[in-house]
Amino acid sequence: MTSDPKVELRTYVYIDSLQPQLAELMASVSQGFPPVPGDSVLWVEVAPGMAVHRVTDIALKATQVKLTQQVVERAFGSMVIHSRSQADVREAGHILLSSMGSQLDERDDCKVEWSEIIRGMTSDHTTLINRQHRGGSMMIPGESMFILETQPAGYITYAANQAEKAASIKLVDCRAVGAFGRLTLAGKEADIEEAAAAAISAIEYPPGT
């Protein structure tokens, strides 16, 4: 009989208070219990992908948290839980790490694969983006756009949340599963610059619990 394979902790991100646009976007694609603005959230990504079932089971049995989403791929698996109680989410995270025999500093560092601000978007460009990303807000011609790509993918949610906290922007898209995470924001140029700075700073120093 072989021993259990080592589970790699790729992403571990705690969000204290989910911002309104990100909460609604997550709720629109949630296969589990949708979160609401103000909820506390924990996003965990592990490798190999099938190990996420074990991770999910432990987290749900630890406290009264709700399962927002679970995605199982061959290489990676991600699990998202939420609660109105920050204490419950933090406790679930602590128990989860202990059960895996992992420390927070063992999670993968976040790498920025691409970041850019495009100013004064044309109508052709915004129309195409709006057709591609129907889950979020609509981009208007003349607005500026910030795009960010990260690896691992899960960190992009914290970047999106902190950007929304920092400035009056529109969340066009936030994809946090797969090999790369992708974020698209739109708004006035000054607001986009402020949101971009907040997003980059967030993933350089992602929170624990």
C-alpha atoms as a PDB file:
ATOM      1  CA  MET A   1       0.000   0.000   0.000  1.00  0.00           C
ATOM      2  CA  THR A   2       1.474   3.353  -1.032  1.00  0.00           C
ATOM      3  CA  SER A   3       1.471   6.427   1.180  1.00  0.00           C
ATOM      4  CA  ASP A   4      -0.616   9.476   0.346  1.00  0.00           C
ATOM      5  CA  PRO A   5       1.104  11.747  -2.195  1.00  0.00           C
ATOM      6  CA  LYS A   6       2.298  15.129  -1.021  1.00  0.00           C
ATOM      7  CA  VAL A   7      -0.236  17.866  -1.682  1.00  0.00           C
ATOM      8  CA  GLU A   8       1.327  21.095  -2.940  1.00  0.00           C
ATOM      9  CA  LEU A   9      -0.145  24.334  -1.634  1.00  0.00           C
ATOM     10  CA  ARG A  10      -0.167  26.632  -4.661  1.00  0.00           C
ATOM     11  CA  THR A  11      -2.473  29.443  -3.556  1.00  0.00           C
ATOM     12  CA  TYR A  12      -3.796  30.449  -0.161  1.00  0.00           C
ATOM     13  CA  VAL A  13      -5.548  33.825  -0.070  1.00  0.00           C
ATOM     14  CA  TYR A  14      -7.761  35.257   2.644  1.00  0.00           C
ATOM     15  CA  ILE A  15     -10.121  38.146   1.823  1.00  0.00           C
ATOM     16  CA  ASP A  16     -11.529  39.919   4.862  1.00  0.00           C
ATOM     17  CA  SER A  17     -14.461  41.676   3.178  1.00  0.00           C
ATOM     18  CA  LEU A  18     -15.625  40.858  -0.316  1.00  0.00           C
ATOM     19  CA  GLN A  19     -16.290  43.992  -2.374  1.00  0.00           C
ATOM     20  CA  PRO A  20     -19.675  44.380  -4.142  1.00  0.00           C
ATOM     21  CA  GLN A  21     -18.657  43.906  -7.782  1.00  0.00           C
ATOM     22  CA  LEU A  22     -16.373  40.955  -7.081  1.00  0.00           C
ATOM     23  CA  ALA A  23     -19.023  39.372  -4.859  1.00  0.00           C
ATOM     24  CA  GLU A  24     -21.648  39.611  -7.588  1.00  0.00           C
ATOM     25  CA  LEU A  25     -19.274  38.294 -10.255  1.00  0.00           C
ATOM     26  CA  MET A  26     -18.332  35.327  -8.075  1.00  0.00           C
ATOM     27  CA  ALA A  27     -22.003  34.682  -7.311  1.00  0.00           C
ATOM     28  CA  SER A  28     -22.877  34.673 -11.008  1.00  0.00           C
ATOM     29  CA  VAL A  29     -20.532  31.748 -11.705  1.00  0.00           C
ATOM     30  CA  SER A  30     -20.756  29.967  -8.350  1.00  0.00           C
ATOM     31  CA  GLN A  31     -21.847  26.347  -8.497  1.00  0.00           C
ATOM     32  CA  GLY A  32     -22.244  26.235  -4.734  1.00  0.00           C
ATOM     33  CA  PHE A  33     -23.507  28.778  -2.219  1.00  0.00           C
ATOM     34  CA  PRO A  34     -23.092  32.292  -3.688  1.00  0.00           C
ATOM     35  CA  PRO A  35     -21.325  34.897  -1.541  1.00  0.00           C
ATOM     36  CA  VAL A  36     -22.624  38.399  -0.851  1.00  0.00           C
ATOM     37  CA  PRO A  37     -20.744  41.685  -0.364  1.00  0.00           C
ATOM     38  CA  GLY A  38     -18.977  41.839   2.979  1.00  0.00           C
ATOM     39  CA  ASP A  39     -18.429  38.086   3.263  1.00  0.00           C
ATOM     40  CA  SER A  40     -15.052  36.753   4.325  1.00  0.00           C
ATOM     41  CA  VAL A  41     -13.487  34.431   1.735  1.00  0.00           C
ATOM     42  CA  LEU A  42     -10.684  31.885   1.564  1.00  0.00           C
ATOM     43  CA  TRP A  43      -9.335  30.783  -1.820  1.00  0.00           C
ATOM     44  CA  VAL A  44      -7.109  27.695  -1.839  1.00  0.00           C
ATOM     45  CA  GLU A  45      -5.470  26.032  -4.825  1.00  0.00           C
ATOM     46  CA  VAL A  46      -3.589  22.747  -4.604  1.00  0.00           C
ATOM     47  CA  ALA A  47      -1.786  20.249  -6.805  1.00  0.00           C
ATOM     48  CA  PRO A  48      -2.576  17.639  -7.956  1.00  0.00           C
ATOM     49  CA  GLY A  49      -6.128  18.604  -8.838  1.00  0.00           C
ATOM     50  CA  MET A  50      -7.947  15.648  -7.285  1.00  0.00           C
ATOM     51  CA  ALA A  51      -6.517  16.523  -3.863  1.00  0.00           C
ATOM     52  CA  VAL A  52      -8.938  19.442  -3.685  1.00  0.00           C
ATOM     53  CA  HIS A  53     -11.715  17.049  -2.631  1.00  0.00           C
ATOM     54  CA  ARG A  54      -9.790  16.207   0.544  1.00  0.00           C
ATOM     55  CA  VAL A  55      -9.096  19.904   1.121  1.00  0.00           C
ATOM     56  CA  THR A  56     -12.760  20.790   0.647  1.00  0.00           C
ATOM     57  CA  ASP A  57     -13.929  18.068   3.016  1.00  0.00           C
ATOM     58  CA  ILE A  58     -11.621  19.267   5.780  1.00  0.00           C
ATOM     59  CA  ALA A  59     -12.600  22.921   5.379  1.00  0.00           C
ATOM     60  CA  LEU A  60     -16.343  22.249   5.430  1.00  0.00           C
ATOM     61  CA  LYS A  61     -16.145  20.015   8.497  1.00  0.00           C
ATOM     62  CA  ALA A  62     -13.995  22.490  10.420  1.00  0.00           C
ATOM     63  CA  THR A  63     -16.563  25.280  10.873  1.00  0.00           C
ATOM     64  CA  GLN A  64     -19.868  26.608   9.511  1.00  0.00           C
ATOM     65  CA  VAL A  65     -18.353  27.984   6.295  1.00  0.00           C
ATOM     66  CA  LYS A  66     -20.155  27.573   2.955  1.00  0.00           C
ATOM     67  CA  LEU A  67     -18.667  26.169  -0.234  1.00  0.00           C
ATOM     68  CA  THR A  68     -18.672  28.814  -2.949  1.00  0.00           C
ATOM     69  CA  GLN A  69     -16.888  26.964  -5.710  1.00  0.00           C
ATOM     70  CA  GLN A  70     -14.772  23.931  -6.470  1.00  0.00           C
ATOM     71  CA  VAL A  71     -12.874  23.375  -9.713  1.00  0.00           C
ATOM     72  CA  VAL A  72     -11.027  20.107 -10.323  1.00  0.00           C
ATOM     73  CA  GLU A  73      -8.491  20.004 -13.137  1.00  0.00           C
ATOM     74  CA  ARG A  74      -5.764  17.426 -13.747  1.00  0.00           C
ATOM     75  CA  ALA A  75      -2.885  19.580 -12.622  1.00  0.00           C
ATOM     76  CA  PHE A  76      -4.598  21.967 -10.182  1.00  0.00           C
ATOM     77  CA  GLY A  77      -7.685  22.047  -8.019  1.00  0.00           C
ATOM     78  CA  SER A  78      -9.216  25.108  -6.370  1.00  0.00           C
ATOM     79  CA  MET A  79     -11.662  25.510  -3.517  1.00  0.00           C
ATOM     80  CA  VAL A  80     -13.419  28.671  -2.294  1.00  0.00           C
ATOM     81  CA  ILE A  81     -15.280  29.005   1.000  1.00  0.00           C
ATOM     82  CA  HIS A  82     -17.070  31.980   2.520  1.00  0.00           C
ATOM     83  CA  SER A  83     -18.910  33.119   5.628  1.00  0.00           C
ATOM     84  CA  ARG A  84     -20.195  36.280   7.262  1.00  0.00           C
ATOM     85  CA  SER A  85     -17.902  35.308  10.146  1.00  0.00           C
ATOM     86  CA  GLN A  86     -14.244  36.146   9.593  1.00  0.00           C
ATOM     87  CA  ALA A  87     -13.417  33.948  12.580  1.00  0.00           C
ATOM     88  CA  ASP A  88     -14.977  30.872  10.943  1.00  0.00           C
ATOM     89  CA  VAL A  89     -13.080  31.376   7.702  1.00  0.00           C
ATOM     90  CA  ARG A  90      -9.796  31.948   9.513  1.00  0.00           C
ATOM     91  CA  GLU A  91     -10.328  28.865  11.706  1.00  0.00           C
ATOM     92  CA  ALA A  92     -11.160  26.701   8.690  1.00  0.00           C
ATOM     93  CA  GLY A  93      -7.942  27.884   7.065  1.00  0.00           C
ATOM     94  CA  HIS A  94      -5.822  27.123  10.121  1.00  0.00           C
ATOM     95  CA  ILE A  95      -7.254  23.608  10.411  1.00  0.00           C
ATOM     96  CA  LEU A  96      -6.780  23.049   6.703  1.00  0.00           C
ATOM     97  CA  LEU A  97      -3.111  24.011   6.780  1.00  0.00           C
ATOM     98  CA  SER A  98      -2.495  21.837   9.829  1.00  0.00           C
ATOM     99  CA  SER A  99      -4.158  18.818   8.248  1.00  0.00           C
ATOM    100  CA  MET A 100      -1.980  19.218   5.141  1.00  0.00           C
ATOM    101  CA  GLY A 101       1.170  19.582   7.212  1.00  0.00           C
ATOM    102  CA  SER A 102       1.774  22.876   5.420  1.00  0.00           C
ATOM    103  CA  GLN A 103       2.847  26.349   6.443  1.00  0.00           C
ATOM    104  CA  LEU A 104       1.685  29.579   4.879  1.00  0.00           C
ATOM    105  CA  ASP A 105       5.185  30.350   3.627  1.00  0.00           C
ATOM    106  CA  GLU A 106       5.131  27.126   1.589  1.00  0.00           C
ATOM    107  CA  ARG A 107       2.520  28.463  -0.822  1.00  0.00           C
ATOM    108  CA  ASP A 108       3.765  29.452  -4.267  1.00  0.00           C
ATOM    109  CA  ASP A 109       4.804  33.057  -4.758  1.00  0.00           C
ATOM    110  CA  CYS A 110       2.630  35.057  -7.101  1.00  0.00           C
ATOM    111  CA  LYS A 111       4.252  36.014 -10.396  1.00  0.00           C
ATOM    112  CA  VAL A 112       2.976  38.815 -12.595  1.00  0.00           C
ATOM    113  CA  GLU A 113       2.996  37.441 -16.122  1.00  0.00           C
ATOM    114  CA  TRP A 114       1.549  40.591 -17.717  1.00  0.00           C
ATOM    115  CA  SER A 115       0.216  43.983 -16.621  1.00  0.00           C
ATOM    116  CA  GLU A 116      -0.724  46.973 -18.742  1.00  0.00           C
ATOM    117  CA  ILE A 117      -2.924  50.058 -18.861  1.00  0.00           C
ATOM    118  CA  ILE A 118      -4.465  50.903 -22.220  1.00  0.00           C
ATOM    119  CA  ARG A 119      -5.835  54.439 -22.328  1.00  0.00           C
ATOM    120  CA  GLY A 120      -8.724  55.870 -24.344  1.00  0.00           C
ATOM    121  CA  MET A 121     -10.188  52.592 -25.599  1.00  0.00           C
ATOM    122  CA  THR A 122     -11.778  52.600 -29.063  1.00  0.00           C
ATOM    123  CA  SER A 123     -15.371  51.528 -29.638  1.00  0.00           C
ATOM    124  CA  ASP A 124     -14.327  48.502 -31.736  1.00  0.00           C
ATOM    125  CA  HIS A 125     -12.084  47.282 -28.942  1.00  0.00           C
ATOM    126  CA  THR A 126     -14.612  47.817 -26.147  1.00  0.00           C
ATOM    127  CA  THR A 127     -17.383  46.110 -28.117  1.00  0.00           C
ATOM    128  CA  LEU A 128     -15.269  43.004 -28.588  1.00  0.00           C
ATOM    129  CA  ILE A 129     -14.292  42.890 -24.903  1.00  0.00           C
ATOM    130  CA  ASN A 130     -17.897  43.352 -23.784  1.00  0.00           C
ATOM    131  CA  ARG A 131     -18.988  40.437 -25.961  1.00  0.00           C
ATOM    132  CA  GLN A 132     -16.248  38.227 -24.538  1.00  0.00           C
ATOM    133  CA  HIS A 133     -16.883  39.086 -20.880  1.00  0.00           C
ATOM    134  CA  ARG A 134     -20.623  39.232 -20.269  1.00  0.00           C
ATOM    135  CA  GLY A 135     -20.431  38.377 -16.593  1.00  0.00           C
ATOM    136  CA  GLY A 136     -19.005  41.702 -15.457  1.00  0.00           C
ATOM    137  CA  SER A 137     -19.529  45.396 -16.147  1.00  0.00           C
ATOM    138  CA  MET A 138     -19.630  46.958 -19.608  1.00  0.00           C
ATOM    139  CA  MET A 139     -16.668  48.929 -20.897  1.00  0.00           C
ATOM    140  CA  ILE A 140     -17.396  52.299 -22.523  1.00  0.00           C
ATOM    141  CA  PRO A 141     -15.368  53.805 -25.425  1.00  0.00           C
ATOM    142  CA  GLY A 142     -12.905  56.391 -24.175  1.00  0.00           C
ATOM    143  CA  GLU A 143     -12.327  54.652 -20.842  1.00  0.00           C
ATOM    144  CA  SER A 144      -8.974  53.229 -19.812  1.00  0.00           C
ATOM    145  CA  MET A 145      -8.443  49.512 -19.264  1.00  0.00           C
ATOM    146  CA  PHE A 146      -6.121  47.697 -16.873  1.00  0.00           C
ATOM    147  CA  ILE A 147      -5.245  44.065 -17.580  1.00  0.00           C
ATOM    148  CA  LEU A 148      -3.325  41.768 -15.247  1.00  0.00           C
ATOM    149  CA  GLU A 149      -2.256  38.152 -15.575  1.00  0.00           C
ATOM    150  CA  THR A 150      -0.839  36.155 -12.666  1.00  0.00           C
ATOM    151  CA  GLN A 151       0.464  32.711 -11.853  1.00  0.00           C
ATOM    152  CA  PRO A 152      -0.888  30.869  -9.885  1.00  0.00           C
ATOM    153  CA  ALA A 153      -4.390  31.901 -10.877  1.00  0.00           C
ATOM    154  CA  GLY A 154      -6.055  32.236  -7.465  1.00  0.00           C
ATOM    155  CA  TYR A 155      -4.154  35.333  -6.424  1.00  0.00           C
ATOM    156  CA  ILE A 156      -6.042  37.385  -8.999  1.00  0.00           C
ATOM    157  CA  THR A 157      -9.121  37.467  -6.751  1.00  0.00           C
ATOM    158  CA  TYR A 158      -7.267  39.355  -4.040  1.00  0.00           C
ATOM    159  CA  ALA A 159      -5.882  41.759  -6.628  1.00  0.00           C
ATOM    160  CA  ALA A 160      -9.423  42.411  -7.878  1.00  0.00           C
ATOM    161  CA  ASN A 161     -10.794  42.944  -4.387  1.00  0.00           C
ATOM    162  CA  GLN A 162      -8.069  45.406  -3.400  1.00  0.00           C
ATOM    163  CA  ALA A 163      -8.406  47.295  -6.676  1.00  0.00           C
ATOM    164  CA  GLU A 164     -12.133  47.704  -6.075  1.00  0.00           C
ATOM    165  CA  LYS A 165     -11.427  48.953  -2.570  1.00  0.00           C
ATOM    166  CA  ALA A 166      -8.908  51.493  -3.824  1.00  0.00           C
ATOM    167  CA  ALA A 167     -10.751  53.266  -6.633  1.00  0.00           C
ATOM    168  CA  SER A 168     -14.050  53.798  -8.422  1.00  0.00           C
ATOM    169  CA  ILE A 169     -13.615  51.320 -11.260  1.00  0.00           C
ATOM    170  CA  LYS A 170     -15.679  48.736 -13.123  1.00  0.00           C
ATOM    171  CA  LEU A 171     -14.857  45.055 -12.819  1.00  0.00           C
ATOM    172  CA  VAL A 172     -15.126  43.724 -16.355  1.00  0.00           C
ATOM    173  CA  ASP A 173     -13.698  40.251 -15.767  1.00  0.00           C
ATOM    174  CA  CYS A 174     -11.874  38.180 -13.163  1.00  0.00           C
ATOM    175  CA  ARG A 175     -10.834  34.610 -13.970  1.00  0.00           C
ATOM    176  CA  ALA A 176      -9.097  32.713 -11.214  1.00  0.00           C
ATOM    177  CA  VAL A 177      -8.930  29.098 -12.396  1.00  0.00           C
ATOM    178  CA  GLY A 178      -6.519  27.315 -14.690  1.00  0.00           C
ATOM    179  CA  ALA A 179      -2.836  27.971 -15.180  1.00  0.00           C
ATOM    180  CA  PHE A 180      -3.160  31.766 -15.124  1.00  0.00           C
ATOM    181  CA  GLY A 181      -5.418  34.295 -13.417  1.00  0.00           C
ATOM    182  CA  ARG A 182      -6.704  37.224 -15.460  1.00  0.00           C
ATOM    183  CA  LEU A 183      -8.202  40.534 -14.375  1.00  0.00           C
ATOM    184  CA  THR A 184      -9.765  43.265 -16.519  1.00  0.00           C
ATOM    185  CA  LEU A 185     -10.799  46.639 -15.083  1.00  0.00           C
ATOM    186  CA  ALA A 186     -12.210  49.741 -16.773  1.00  0.00           C
ATOM    187  CA  GLY A 187     -12.788  53.345 -15.748  1.00  0.00           C
ATOM    188  CA  LYS A 188     -11.436  56.850 -15.800  1.00  0.00           C
ATOM    189  CA  GLU A 189      -7.699  57.065 -16.353  1.00  0.00           C
ATOM    190  CA  ALA A 190      -6.850  58.355 -12.865  1.00  0.00           C
ATOM    191  CA  ASP A 191      -9.026  55.721 -11.197  1.00  0.00           C
ATOM    192  CA  ILE A 192      -7.507  52.941 -13.285  1.00  0.00           C
ATOM    193  CA  GLU A 193      -3.994  54.063 -12.382  1.00  0.00           C
ATOM    194  CA  GLU A 194      -4.893  53.956  -8.696  1.00  0.00           C
ATOM    195  CA  ALA A 195      -6.609  50.583  -8.994  1.00  0.00           C
ATOM    196  CA  ALA A 196      -3.674  49.128 -10.949  1.00  0.00           C
ATOM    197  CA  ALA A 197      -1.217  50.193  -8.256  1.00  0.00           C
ATOM    198  CA  ALA A 198      -3.418  48.618  -5.572  1.00  0.00           C
ATOM    199  CA  ALA A 199      -3.748  45.357  -7.514  1.00  0.00           C
ATOM    200  CA  ILE A 200      -0.002  45.002  -8.076  1.00  0.00           C
ATOM    201  CA  SER A 201       0.751  45.829  -4.446  1.00  0.00           C
ATOM    202  CA  ALA A 202      -1.824  43.281  -3.295  1.00  0.00           C
ATOM    203  CA  ILE A 203      -0.258  40.339  -5.061  1.00  0.00           C
ATOM    204  CA  GLU A 204       3.232  41.286  -3.975  1.00  0.00           C
ATOM    205  CA  TYR A 205       2.097  40.877  -0.348  1.00  0.00           C
ATOM    206  CA  PRO A 206      -0.899  38.494  -0.329  1.00  0.00           C
ATOM    207  CA  PRO A 207      -2.495  37.989   3.095  1.00  0.00           C
ATOM    208  CA  GLY A 208      -2.543  34.873   5.194  1.00  0.00           C
ATOM    209  CA  THR A 209      -5.116  34.530   7.913  1.00  0.00           C
END
